[in-house]
């Protein structure tokens, strides 16, 4: 797997995931929406840690710099 996510892209995903988790813990979201949100947050965190987004690959999208792409 080649990296296809840059630092800014990863930071945005982690931030969004953190917001979703905080909303859940503060009981702002609940039920089905909370479950879907937590799943999305988990996926965002996983892709950020791996620096690879499977949805970017088929379209050839990369947000990382050329020298970061290993």
C-alpha atoms as a PDB file:
ATOM      1  CA  UNK A   1       0.000   0.000   0.000  1.00  0.00           C
ATOM      2  CA  UNK A   2       1.388   3.341  -1.029  1.00  0.00           C
ATOM      3  CA  UNK A   3       0.652   6.344   1.127  1.00  0.00           C
ATOM      4  CA  UNK A   4      -1.962   8.569  -0.451  1.00  0.00           C
ATOM      5  CA  UNK A   5      -2.846  10.875   2.458  1.00  0.00           C
ATOM      6  CA  UNK A   6      -0.922  13.962   3.467  1.00  0.00           C
ATOM      7  CA  UNK A   7      -0.481  15.415   6.929  1.00  0.00           C
ATOM      8  CA  UNK A   8      -3.292  17.973   6.571  1.00  0.00           C
ATOM      9  CA  UNK A   9      -5.725  15.339   5.292  1.00  0.00           C
ATOM     10  CA  UNK A  10      -4.850  13.070   8.219  1.00  0.00           C
ATOM     11  CA  UNK A  11      -5.212  15.898  10.757  1.00  0.00           C
ATOM     12  CA  UNK A  12      -8.642  16.838   9.412  1.00  0.00           C
ATOM     13  CA  UNK A  13      -9.824  13.222   9.629  1.00  0.00           C
ATOM     14  CA  UNK A  14      -8.573  12.839  13.200  1.00  0.00           C
ATOM     15  CA  UNK A  15     -10.252  16.120  14.172  1.00  0.00           C
ATOM     16  CA  UNK A  16     -13.588  15.071  12.689  1.00  0.00           C
ATOM     17  CA  UNK A  17     -13.349  11.673  14.386  1.00  0.00           C
ATOM     18  CA  UNK A  18     -12.643  13.351  17.736  1.00  0.00           C
ATOM     19  CA  UNK A  19     -15.634  15.662  17.321  1.00  0.00           C
ATOM     20  CA  UNK A  20     -17.909  12.681  16.616  1.00  0.00           C
ATOM     21  CA  UNK A  21     -16.635  10.837  19.702  1.00  0.00           C
ATOM     22  CA  UNK A  22     -17.075  13.929  21.901  1.00  0.00           C
ATOM     23  CA  UNK A  23     -20.625  14.434  20.605  1.00  0.00           C
ATOM     24  CA  UNK A  24     -21.374  10.813  21.468  1.00  0.00           C
ATOM     25  CA  UNK A  25     -19.854  11.035  24.945  1.00  0.00           C
ATOM     26  CA  UNK A  26     -21.760  14.269  25.637  1.00  0.00           C
ATOM     27  CA  UNK A  27     -25.010  12.525  24.584  1.00  0.00           C
ATOM     28  CA  UNK A  28     -25.603  15.029  21.803  1.00  0.00           C
ATOM     29  CA  UNK A  29     -25.992  12.184  19.322  1.00  0.00           C
ATOM     30  CA  UNK A  30     -27.511   8.830  20.164  1.00  0.00           C
ATOM     31  CA  UNK A  31     -29.162   5.806  18.637  1.00  0.00           C
ATOM     32  CA  UNK A  32     -28.555   4.772  15.069  1.00  0.00           C
ATOM     33  CA  UNK A  33     -26.903   8.066  14.146  1.00  0.00           C
ATOM     34  CA  UNK A  34     -24.417   7.612  16.990  1.00  0.00           C
ATOM     35  CA  UNK A  35     -23.556   4.089  15.875  1.00  0.00           C
ATOM     36  CA  UNK A  36     -23.049   5.181  12.270  1.00  0.00           C
ATOM     37  CA  UNK A  37     -21.017   8.175  13.442  1.00  0.00           C
ATOM     38  CA  UNK A  38     -18.762   6.027  15.614  1.00  0.00           C
ATOM     39  CA  UNK A  39     -18.185   3.600  12.744  1.00  0.00           C
ATOM     40  CA  UNK A  40     -17.250   6.503  10.474  1.00  0.00           C
ATOM     41  CA  UNK A  41     -14.974   7.912  13.197  1.00  0.00           C
ATOM     42  CA  UNK A  42     -13.253   4.532  13.514  1.00  0.00           C
ATOM     43  CA  UNK A  43     -12.700   4.319   9.771  1.00  0.00           C
ATOM     44  CA  UNK A  44     -11.325   7.867   9.712  1.00  0.00           C
ATOM     45  CA  UNK A  45      -8.907   7.091  12.542  1.00  0.00           C
ATOM     46  CA  UNK A  46      -7.779   3.847  10.882  1.00  0.00           C
ATOM     47  CA  UNK A  47      -7.129   5.504   7.519  1.00  0.00           C
ATOM     48  CA  UNK A  48      -5.257   8.317   9.267  1.00  0.00           C
ATOM     49  CA  UNK A  49      -2.986   5.894  11.098  1.00  0.00           C
ATOM     50  CA  UNK A  50      -2.299   3.911   7.905  1.00  0.00           C
ATOM     51  CA  UNK A  51      -1.929   7.060   5.730  1.00  0.00           C
ATOM     52  CA  UNK A  52      -3.946   5.212   3.104  1.00  0.00           C
ATOM     53  CA  UNK A  53      -7.487   5.872   1.943  1.00  0.00           C
ATOM     54  CA  UNK A  54      -8.964   3.027  -0.124  1.00  0.00           C
ATOM     55  CA  UNK A  55     -11.405   5.423  -1.794  1.00  0.00           C
ATOM     56  CA  UNK A  56      -8.532   7.537  -3.158  1.00  0.00           C
ATOM     57  CA  UNK A  57      -6.745   4.585  -4.804  1.00  0.00           C
ATOM     58  CA  UNK A  58      -9.120   3.814  -7.723  1.00  0.00           C
ATOM     59  CA  UNK A  59      -9.221   7.485  -8.702  1.00  0.00           C
ATOM     60  CA  UNK A  60      -5.471   8.046  -8.371  1.00  0.00           C
ATOM     61  CA  UNK A  61      -5.958  10.780  -5.770  1.00  0.00           C
ATOM     62  CA  UNK A  62      -3.070  11.562  -3.441  1.00  0.00           C
ATOM     63  CA  UNK A  63      -2.849  14.392  -0.948  1.00  0.00           C
ATOM     64  CA  UNK A  64       0.685  13.625   0.203  1.00  0.00           C
ATOM     65  CA  UNK A  65       3.824  15.271  -1.095  1.00  0.00           C
ATOM     66  CA  UNK A  66       5.894  13.396  -3.660  1.00  0.00           C
ATOM     67  CA  UNK A  67       8.802  12.753  -1.246  1.00  0.00           C
ATOM     68  CA  UNK A  68       6.364  11.371   1.393  1.00  0.00           C
ATOM     69  CA  UNK A  69       4.851   8.883  -1.038  1.00  0.00           C
ATOM     70  CA  UNK A  70       6.745   5.658  -0.265  1.00  0.00           C
END
